[in-house]
Amino acid sequence: MIGLEQTRAAAELGYYFTRTREALQDMNGWMWFRILPDTMMILGAVGVFIDLFMKTFMGKKAIA
């Protein structure tokens, strides 16, 4: 949604305005809204990393 809002602002007011502090202040609500999905993605990646680490380095060793 942030990208769509920035695209609309760039089309109406120009690219330079889109990168200014005033334009980004208007999108502050969307930036806070992204915290939940971003946190879920980070926790999922950490879970995959821990699982991979445990299976690679902490798994049972085969006795030959």
PDB file of N, CA and C in Angstrom:
ATOM      1  N   MET A   1       0.815  -1.189   0.000  1.00  0.00           N
ATOM      2  CA  MET A   1       0.000   0.000   0.000  1.00  0.00           C
ATOM      3  C   MET A   1       0.861   1.257   0.000  1.00  0.00           C
ATOM      4  N   ILE A   2       2.032   1.184   0.635  1.00  0.00           N
ATOM      5  CA  ILE A   2       2.904   2.352   0.667  1.00  0.00           C
ATOM      6  C   ILE A   2       3.349   2.701  -0.743  1.00  0.00           C
ATOM      7  N   GLY A   3       3.696   1.704  -1.533  1.00  0.00           N
ATOM      8  CA  GLY A   3       4.135   1.944  -2.902  1.00  0.00           C
ATOM      9  C   GLY A   3       3.045   2.560  -3.753  1.00  0.00           C
ATOM     10  N   LEU A   4       1.814   2.103  -3.580  1.00  0.00           N
ATOM     11  CA  LEU A   4       0.703   2.676  -4.342  1.00  0.00           C
ATOM     12  C   LEU A   4       0.458   4.130  -3.949  1.00  0.00           C
ATOM     13  N   GLU A   5       0.559   4.403  -2.665  1.00  0.00           N
ATOM     14  CA  GLU A   5       0.363   5.778  -2.191  1.00  0.00           C
ATOM     15  C   GLU A   5       1.478   6.691  -2.700  1.00  0.00           C
ATOM     16  N   GLN A   6       2.713   6.191  -2.714  1.00  0.00           N
ATOM     17  CA  GLN A   6       3.822   6.981  -3.236  1.00  0.00           C
ATOM     18  C   GLN A   6       3.676   7.204  -4.736  1.00  0.00           C
ATOM     19  N   THR A   7       3.207   6.205  -5.464  1.00  0.00           N
ATOM     20  CA  THR A   7       2.997   6.354  -6.907  1.00  0.00           C
ATOM     21  C   THR A   7       1.942   7.413  -7.188  1.00  0.00           C
ATOM     22  N   ARG A   8       0.859   7.403  -6.427  1.00  0.00           N
ATOM     23  CA  ARG A   8      -0.186   8.406  -6.601  1.00  0.00           C
ATOM     24  C   ARG A   8       0.358   9.802  -6.322  1.00  0.00           C
ATOM     25  N   ALA A   9       1.124   9.945  -5.248  1.00  0.00           N
ATOM     26  CA  ALA A   9       1.690  11.253  -4.905  1.00  0.00           C
ATOM     27  C   ALA A   9       2.688  11.711  -5.966  1.00  0.00           C
ATOM     28  N   ALA A  10       3.475  10.788  -6.505  1.00  0.00           N
ATOM     29  CA  ALA A  10       4.439  11.148  -7.549  1.00  0.00           C
ATOM     30  C   ALA A  10       3.733  11.599  -8.816  1.00  0.00           C
ATOM     31  N   ALA A  11       2.631  10.959  -9.156  1.00  0.00           N
ATOM     32  CA  ALA A  11       1.889  11.342 -10.358  1.00  0.00           C
ATOM     33  C   ALA A  11       1.241  12.713 -10.190  1.00  0.00           C
ATOM     34  N   GLU A  12       0.779  13.011  -8.984  1.00  0.00           N
ATOM     35  CA  GLU A  12       0.088  14.281  -8.760  1.00  0.00           C
ATOM     36  C   GLU A  12       1.040  15.434  -8.467  1.00  0.00           C
ATOM     37  N   LEU A  13       2.076  15.178  -7.665  1.00  0.00           N
ATOM     38  CA  LEU A  13       2.918  16.272  -7.174  1.00  0.00           C
ATOM     39  C   LEU A  13       4.371  16.197  -7.626  1.00  0.00           C
ATOM     40  N   GLY A  14       4.766  15.107  -8.250  1.00  0.00           N
ATOM     41  CA  GLY A  14       6.141  14.970  -8.718  1.00  0.00           C
ATOM     42  C   GLY A  14       6.957  14.045  -7.833  1.00  0.00           C
ATOM     43  N   TYR A  15       8.021  13.504  -8.418  1.00  0.00           N
ATOM     44  CA  TYR A  15       8.856  12.527  -7.725  1.00  0.00           C
ATOM     45  C   TYR A  15       9.560  13.146  -6.520  1.00  0.00           C
ATOM     46  N   TYR A  16      10.046  14.375  -6.663  1.00  0.00           N
ATOM     47  CA  TYR A  16      10.785  15.003  -5.569  1.00  0.00           C
ATOM     48  C   TYR A  16       9.928  15.106  -4.312  1.00  0.00           C
ATOM     49  N   PHE A  17       8.677  15.509  -4.457  1.00  0.00           N
ATOM     50  CA  PHE A  17       7.800  15.631  -3.291  1.00  0.00           C
ATOM     51  C   PHE A  17       7.588  14.283  -2.616  1.00  0.00           C
ATOM     52  N   THR A  18       7.533  13.234  -3.409  1.00  0.00           N
ATOM     53  CA  THR A  18       7.273  11.901  -2.864  1.00  0.00           C
ATOM     54  C   THR A  18       8.357  11.467  -1.884  1.00  0.00           C
ATOM     55  N   ARG A  19       9.580  11.965  -2.060  1.00  0.00           N
ATOM     56  CA  ARG A  19      10.692  11.574  -1.199  1.00  0.00           C
ATOM     57  C   ARG A  19      10.897  12.524  -0.023  1.00  0.00           C
ATOM     58  N   THR A  20      10.088  13.558   0.093  1.00  0.00           N
ATOM     59  CA  THR A  20      10.262  14.519   1.179  1.00  0.00           C
ATOM     60  C   THR A  20       9.629  14.008   2.473  1.00  0.00           C
ATOM     61  N   ARG A  21      10.006  14.647   3.553  1.00  0.00           N
ATOM     62  CA  ARG A  21       9.499  14.258   4.871  1.00  0.00           C
ATOM     63  C   ARG A  21       7.988  14.438   4.976  1.00  0.00           C
ATOM     64  N   GLU A  22       7.464  15.492   4.355  1.00  0.00           N
ATOM     65  CA  GLU A  22       6.026  15.755   4.436  1.00  0.00           C
ATOM     66  C   GLU A  22       5.217  14.622   3.811  1.00  0.00           C
ATOM     67  N   ALA A  23       5.686  14.107   2.691  1.00  0.00           N
ATOM     68  CA  ALA A  23       4.965  13.017   2.025  1.00  0.00           C
ATOM     69  C   ALA A  23       5.040  11.741   2.852  1.00  0.00           C
ATOM     70  N   LEU A  24       6.198  11.480   3.437  1.00  0.00           N
ATOM     71  CA  LEU A  24       6.349  10.260   4.230  1.00  0.00           C
ATOM     72  C   LEU A  24       5.565  10.343   5.538  1.00  0.00           C
ATOM     73  N   GLN A  25       5.382  11.542   6.088  1.00  0.00           N
ATOM     74  CA  GLN A  25       4.591  11.700   7.308  1.00  0.00           C
ATOM     75  C   GLN A  25       3.140  11.287   7.069  1.00  0.00           C
ATOM     76  N   ASP A  26       2.640  11.544   5.856  1.00  0.00           N
ATOM     77  CA  ASP A  26       1.260  11.169   5.535  1.00  0.00           C
ATOM     78  C   ASP A  26       1.077   9.658   5.490  1.00  0.00           C
ATOM     79  N   MET A  27       2.149   8.922   5.245  1.00  0.00           N
ATOM     80  CA  MET A  27       2.068   7.463   5.137  1.00  0.00           C
ATOM     81  C   MET A  27       2.488   6.764   6.425  1.00  0.00           C
ATOM     82  N   ASN A  28       2.599   7.507   7.501  1.00  0.00           N
ATOM     83  CA  ASN A  28       3.061   6.960   8.774  1.00  0.00           C
ATOM     84  C   ASN A  28       2.182   5.812   9.265  1.00  0.00           C
ATOM     85  N   GLY A  29       0.877   5.906   9.065  1.00  0.00           N
ATOM     86  CA  GLY A  29      -0.033   4.836   9.490  1.00  0.00           C
ATOM     87  C   GLY A  29       0.246   3.528   8.769  1.00  0.00           C
ATOM     88  N   TRP A  30       0.506   3.594   7.464  1.00  0.00           N
ATOM     89  CA  TRP A  30       0.810   2.377   6.705  1.00  0.00           C
ATOM     90  C   TRP A  30       2.122   1.756   7.162  1.00  0.00           C
ATOM     91  N   MET A  31       3.086   2.602   7.517  1.00  0.00           N
ATOM     92  CA  MET A  31       4.373   2.065   7.972  1.00  0.00           C
ATOM     93  C   MET A  31       4.205   1.305   9.284  1.00  0.00           C
ATOM     94  N   TRP A  32       3.371   1.819  10.194  1.00  0.00           N
ATOM     95  CA  TRP A  32       3.120   1.112  11.442  1.00  0.00           C
ATOM     96  C   TRP A  32       2.298  -0.154  11.207  1.00  0.00           C
ATOM     97  N   PHE A  33       1.421  -0.124  10.220  1.00  0.00           N
ATOM     98  CA  PHE A  33       0.604  -1.293   9.897  1.00  0.00           C
ATOM     99  C   PHE A  33       1.470  -2.460   9.426  1.00  0.00           C
ATOM    100  N   ARG A  34       2.621  -2.175   8.843  1.00  0.00           N
ATOM    101  CA  ARG A  34       3.497  -3.218   8.314  1.00  0.00           C
ATOM    102  C   ARG A  34       4.258  -3.973   9.397  1.00  0.00           C
ATOM    103  N   ILE A  35       4.244  -3.509  10.629  1.00  0.00           N
ATOM    104  CA  ILE A  35       5.026  -4.150  11.687  1.00  0.00           C
ATOM    105  C   ILE A  35       4.602  -5.601  11.891  1.00  0.00           C
ATOM    106  N   LEU A  36       3.311  -5.872  11.946  1.00  0.00           N
ATOM    107  CA  LEU A  36       2.835  -7.236  12.188  1.00  0.00           C
ATOM    108  C   LEU A  36       3.267  -8.205  11.085  1.00  0.00           C
ATOM    109  N   PRO A  37       3.018  -7.922   9.802  1.00  0.00           N
ATOM    110  CA  PRO A  37       3.460  -8.871   8.773  1.00  0.00           C
ATOM    111  C   PRO A  37       4.978  -9.010   8.706  1.00  0.00           C
ATOM    112  N   ASP A  38       5.703  -7.907   8.900  1.00  0.00           N
ATOM    113  CA  ASP A  38       7.162  -7.989   8.870  1.00  0.00           C
ATOM    114  C   ASP A  38       7.678  -8.852  10.015  1.00  0.00           C
ATOM    115  N   THR A  39       7.081  -8.708  11.191  1.00  0.00           N
ATOM    116  CA  THR A  39       7.484  -9.514  12.342  1.00  0.00           C
ATOM    117  C   THR A  39       7.200 -10.995  12.095  1.00  0.00           C
ATOM    118  N   MET A  40       6.067 -11.291  11.489  1.00  0.00           N
ATOM    119  CA  MET A  40       5.735 -12.686  11.188  1.00  0.00           C
ATOM    120  C   MET A  40       6.735 -13.281  10.198  1.00  0.00           C
ATOM    121  N   MET A  41       7.144 -12.514   9.200  1.00  0.00           N
ATOM    122  CA  MET A  41       8.129 -12.997   8.227  1.00  0.00           C
ATOM    123  C   MET A  41       9.476 -13.247   8.903  1.00  0.00           C
ATOM    124  N   ILE A  42       9.889 -12.337   9.769  1.00  0.00           N
ATOM    125  CA  ILE A  42      11.168 -12.491  10.463  1.00  0.00           C
ATOM    126  C   ILE A  42      11.136 -13.714  11.366  1.00  0.00           C
ATOM    127  N   LEU A  43      10.059 -13.898  12.122  1.00  0.00           N
ATOM    128  CA  LEU A  43       9.957 -15.066  13.004  1.00  0.00           C
ATOM    129  C   LEU A  43       9.937 -16.368  12.206  1.00  0.00           C
ATOM    130  N   GLY A  44       9.275 -16.373  11.057  1.00  0.00           N
ATOM    131  CA  GLY A  44       9.274 -17.556  10.199  1.00  0.00           C
ATOM    132  C   GLY A  44      10.663 -17.884   9.688  1.00  0.00           C
ATOM    133  N   ALA A  45      11.411 -16.865   9.280  1.00  0.00           N
ATOM    134  CA  ALA A  45      12.776 -17.085   8.792  1.00  0.00           C
ATOM    135  C   ALA A  45      13.679 -17.583   9.913  1.00  0.00           C
ATOM    136  N   VAL A  46      13.514 -17.038  11.113  1.00  0.00           N
ATOM    137  CA  VAL A  46      14.305 -17.506  12.260  1.00  0.00           C
ATOM    138  C   VAL A  46      13.968 -18.960  12.561  1.00  0.00           C
ATOM    139  N   GLY A  47      12.696 -19.322  12.480  1.00  0.00           N
ATOM    140  CA  GLY A  47      12.297 -20.717  12.704  1.00  0.00           C
ATOM    141  C   GLY A  47      12.915 -21.663  11.691  1.00  0.00           C
ATOM    142  N   VAL A  48      12.925 -21.269  10.425  1.00  0.00           N
ATOM    143  CA  VAL A  48      13.546 -22.100   9.386  1.00  0.00           C
ATOM    144  C   VAL A  48      15.041 -22.226   9.649  1.00  0.00           C
ATOM    145  N   PHE A  49      15.698 -21.129  10.008  1.00  0.00           N
ATOM    146  CA  PHE A  49      17.131 -21.165  10.292  1.00  0.00           C
ATOM    147  C   PHE A  49      17.443 -22.082  11.474  1.00  0.00           C
ATOM    148  N   ILE A  50      16.670 -21.982  12.541  1.00  0.00           N
ATOM    149  CA  ILE A  50      16.900 -22.836  13.713  1.00  0.00           C
ATOM    150  C   ILE A  50      16.690 -24.302  13.352  1.00  0.00           C
ATOM    151  N   ASP A  51      15.642 -24.605  12.602  1.00  0.00           N
ATOM    152  CA  ASP A  51      15.378 -25.979  12.185  1.00  0.00           C
ATOM    153  C   ASP A  51      16.521 -26.515  11.332  1.00  0.00           C
ATOM    154  N   LEU A  52      16.981 -25.721  10.376  1.00  0.00           N
ATOM    155  CA  LEU A  52      18.086 -26.140   9.521  1.00  0.00           C
ATOM    156  C   LEU A  52      19.360 -26.345  10.335  1.00  0.00           C
ATOM    157  N   PHE A  53      19.634 -25.444  11.264  1.00  0.00           N
ATOM    158  CA  PHE A  53      20.815 -25.562  12.111  1.00  0.00           C
ATOM    159  C   PHE A  53      20.752 -26.826  12.965  1.00  0.00           C
ATOM    160  N   MET A  54      19.601 -27.066  13.571  1.00  0.00           N
ATOM    161  CA  MET A  54      19.459 -28.245  14.434  1.00  0.00           C
ATOM    162  C   MET A  54      19.623 -29.535  13.638  1.00  0.00           C
ATOM    163  N   LYS A  55      19.040 -29.613  12.455  1.00  0.00           N
ATOM    164  CA  LYS A  55      19.142 -30.828  11.651  1.00  0.00           C
ATOM    165  C   LYS A  55      20.538 -31.016  11.080  1.00  0.00           C
ATOM    166  N   THR A  56      21.230 -29.922  10.799  1.00  0.00           N
ATOM    167  CA  THR A  56      22.557 -30.025  10.202  1.00  0.00           C
ATOM    168  C   THR A  56      23.628 -30.327  11.240  1.00  0.00           C
ATOM    169  N   PHE A  57      23.621 -29.610  12.347  1.00  0.00           N
ATOM    170  CA  PHE A  57      24.717 -29.715  13.298  1.00  0.00           C
ATOM    171  C   PHE A  57      24.375 -30.489  14.568  1.00  0.00           C
ATOM    172  N   MET A  58      23.124 -30.644  14.895  1.00  0.00           N
ATOM    173  CA  MET A  58      22.744 -31.302  16.137  1.00  0.00           C
ATOM    174  C   MET A  58      22.036 -32.633  15.907  1.00  0.00           C
ATOM    175  N   GLY A  59      21.999 -33.084  14.677  1.00  0.00           N
ATOM    176  CA  GLY A  59      21.322 -34.339  14.368  1.00  0.00           C
ATOM    177  C   GLY A  59      22.113 -35.542  14.872  1.00  0.00           C
ATOM    178  N   LYS A  60      21.459 -36.693  14.893  1.00  0.00           N
ATOM    179  CA  LYS A  60      22.122 -37.920  15.318  1.00  0.00           C
ATOM    180  C   LYS A  60      23.168 -38.314  14.286  1.00  0.00           C
ATOM    181  N   LYS A  61      24.299 -38.739  14.772  1.00  0.00           N
ATOM    182  CA  LYS A  61      25.384 -39.152  13.888  1.00  0.00           C
ATOM    183  C   LYS A  61      25.205 -40.626  13.534  1.00  0.00           C
ATOM    184  N   ALA A  62      25.426 -40.945  12.267  1.00  0.00           N
ATOM    185  CA  ALA A  62      25.318 -42.336  11.816  1.00  0.00           C
ATOM    186  C   ALA A  62      26.549 -43.109  12.283  1.00  0.00           C
ATOM    187  N   ILE A  63      26.296 -44.304  12.798  1.00  0.00           N
ATOM    188  CA  ILE A  63      27.397 -45.160  13.226  1.00  0.00           C
ATOM    189  C   ILE A  63      27.716 -46.107  12.080  1.00  0.00           C
ATOM    190  N   ALA A  64      28.961 -46.029  11.602  1.00  0.00           N
ATOM    191  CA  ALA A  64      29.332 -46.856  10.449  1.00  0.00           C
ATOM    192  C   ALA A  64      30.164 -48.034  10.841  1.00  0.00           C
TER     193      ALA A  64
END
